[in-house]
Amino acid sequence: MSFQAYLDTIKAKTGKTPDDLRQLAEARGLLEGGKVAKGVKAGDVVAWLKEDFDLGRGHAMAIWALFANIKQMPAK
């Protein structure tokens, strides 16, 4: 599955774009100033996305990759 396919599936399942999830993560204290907050680990984000949006590990890790600047949003 391509990275874009992961993001498309996340949007279809949650109704949220990566930017929407970034704003929610900021509100929860998982991100500060658009960057991963000090002490926040991938597992924290995975647990939040599982609990609130029922996302599996692979899809949650795609969001983590964006938050941690491991991956960038694909150009459309």
C-alpha atoms as a PDB file:
ATOM      1  CA  MET A   1       0.000   0.000   0.000  1.00  0.00           C
ATOM      2  CA  SER A   2       1.407   3.401  -0.915  1.00  0.00           C
ATOM      3  CA  PHE A   3       1.740   6.124   1.674  1.00  0.00           C
ATOM      4  CA  GLN A   4      -0.967   8.115  -0.120  1.00  0.00           C
ATOM      5  CA  ALA A   5      -3.276   5.086   0.051  1.00  0.00           C
ATOM      6  CA  TYR A   6      -2.766   4.974   3.831  1.00  0.00           C
ATOM      7  CA  LEU A   7      -3.706   8.650   4.086  1.00  0.00           C
ATOM      8  CA  ASP A   8      -6.750   8.178   1.832  1.00  0.00           C
ATOM      9  CA  THR A   9      -7.950   5.267   3.979  1.00  0.00           C
ATOM     10  CA  ILE A  10      -7.462   7.293   7.162  1.00  0.00           C
ATOM     11  CA  LYS A  11      -9.576  10.120   5.701  1.00  0.00           C
ATOM     12  CA  ALA A  12     -12.286   7.675   4.602  1.00  0.00           C
ATOM     13  CA  LYS A  13     -12.381   5.943   7.994  1.00  0.00           C
ATOM     14  CA  THR A  14     -12.143   8.987  10.272  1.00  0.00           C
ATOM     15  CA  GLY A  15     -13.372  11.869   8.139  1.00  0.00           C
ATOM     16  CA  LYS A  16     -10.182  13.684   9.184  1.00  0.00           C
ATOM     17  CA  THR A  17      -7.281  14.886   7.077  1.00  0.00           C
ATOM     18  CA  PRO A  18      -3.722  14.737   8.411  1.00  0.00           C
ATOM     19  CA  ASP A  19      -3.981  18.488   9.092  1.00  0.00           C
ATOM     20  CA  ASP A  20      -7.172  17.906  11.107  1.00  0.00           C
ATOM     21  CA  LEU A  21      -5.399  15.210  13.126  1.00  0.00           C
ATOM     22  CA  ARG A  22      -2.411  17.512  13.622  1.00  0.00           C
ATOM     23  CA  GLN A  23      -4.718  20.174  15.138  1.00  0.00           C
ATOM     24  CA  LEU A  24      -6.335  17.602  17.422  1.00  0.00           C
ATOM     25  CA  ALA A  25      -2.907  16.324  18.478  1.00  0.00           C
ATOM     26  CA  GLU A  26      -1.846  19.897  19.313  1.00  0.00           C
ATOM     27  CA  ALA A  27      -4.966  20.291  21.475  1.00  0.00           C
ATOM     28  CA  ARG A  28      -4.117  17.034  23.301  1.00  0.00           C
ATOM     29  CA  GLY A  29      -0.550  18.151  23.947  1.00  0.00           C
ATOM     30  CA  LEU A  30       0.988  15.519  21.684  1.00  0.00           C
ATOM     31  CA  LEU A  31       2.398  18.252  19.438  1.00  0.00           C
ATOM     32  CA  GLU A  32       3.771  21.671  20.339  1.00  0.00           C
ATOM     33  CA  GLY A  33       4.286  24.256  17.629  1.00  0.00           C
ATOM     34  CA  GLY A  34       3.744  21.624  14.962  1.00  0.00           C
ATOM     35  CA  LYS A  35       6.467  19.345  16.345  1.00  0.00           C
ATOM     36  CA  VAL A  36       6.240  16.252  18.507  1.00  0.00           C
ATOM     37  CA  ALA A  37       6.085  17.404  22.128  1.00  0.00           C
ATOM     38  CA  LYS A  38       8.962  16.530  24.432  1.00  0.00           C
ATOM     39  CA  GLY A  39       8.539  13.035  25.842  1.00  0.00           C
ATOM     40  CA  VAL A  40       5.832  11.968  23.380  1.00  0.00           C
ATOM     41  CA  LYS A  41       6.553   8.606  21.755  1.00  0.00           C
ATOM     42  CA  ALA A  42       5.048   6.897  18.735  1.00  0.00           C
ATOM     43  CA  GLY A  43       3.099   4.603  21.055  1.00  0.00           C
ATOM     44  CA  ASP A  44       1.326   7.596  22.594  1.00  0.00           C
ATOM     45  CA  VAL A  45       0.054   8.718  19.196  1.00  0.00           C
ATOM     46  CA  VAL A  46      -0.829   5.149  18.160  1.00  0.00           C
ATOM     47  CA  ALA A  47      -2.827   4.643  21.383  1.00  0.00           C
ATOM     48  CA  TRP A  48      -4.709   7.925  20.897  1.00  0.00           C
ATOM     49  CA  LEU A  49      -5.590   7.155  17.277  1.00  0.00           C
ATOM     50  CA  LYS A  50      -6.683   3.621  18.213  1.00  0.00           C
ATOM     51  CA  GLU A  51      -8.843   4.824  21.102  1.00  0.00           C
ATOM     52  CA  ASP A  52     -10.468   7.830  19.431  1.00  0.00           C
ATOM     53  CA  PHE A  53     -10.591   6.723  15.782  1.00  0.00           C
ATOM     54  CA  ASP A  54     -10.157   2.928  15.847  1.00  0.00           C
ATOM     55  CA  LEU A  55      -7.118   3.157  13.566  1.00  0.00           C
ATOM     56  CA  GLY A  56      -4.809   0.188  13.370  1.00  0.00           C
ATOM     57  CA  ARG A  57      -1.090   0.381  14.021  1.00  0.00           C
ATOM     58  CA  GLY A  58      -0.060   0.773  10.370  1.00  0.00           C
ATOM     59  CA  HIS A  59      -2.404   3.673   9.716  1.00  0.00           C
ATOM     60  CA  ALA A  60      -1.535   5.306  13.035  1.00  0.00           C
ATOM     61  CA  MET A  61       2.174   4.987  12.247  1.00  0.00           C
ATOM     62  CA  ALA A  62       1.561   6.786   8.946  1.00  0.00           C
ATOM     63  CA  ILE A  63       0.242   9.743  10.943  1.00  0.00           C
ATOM     64  CA  TRP A  64       3.188   9.463  13.348  1.00  0.00           C
ATOM     65  CA  ALA A  65       5.539   9.579  10.345  1.00  0.00           C
ATOM     66  CA  LEU A  66       3.995  12.905   9.319  1.00  0.00           C
ATOM     67  CA  PHE A  67       4.104  14.286  12.863  1.00  0.00           C
ATOM     68  CA  ALA A  68       7.747  13.235  13.317  1.00  0.00           C
ATOM     69  CA  ASN A  69       8.745  14.550   9.863  1.00  0.00           C
ATOM     70  CA  ILE A  70       9.797  11.067   8.764  1.00  0.00           C
ATOM     71  CA  LYS A  71       7.438  11.400   5.791  1.00  0.00           C
ATOM     72  CA  GLN A  72       6.045  14.410   3.980  1.00  0.00           C
ATOM     73  CA  MET A  73       2.585  14.845   2.485  1.00  0.00           C
ATOM     74  CA  PRO A  74       2.683  13.409  -1.045  1.00  0.00           C
ATOM     75  CA  ALA A  75       2.222  15.898  -3.868  1.00  0.00           C
ATOM     76  CA  LYS A  76      -1.092  15.458  -5.626  1.00  0.00           C
END
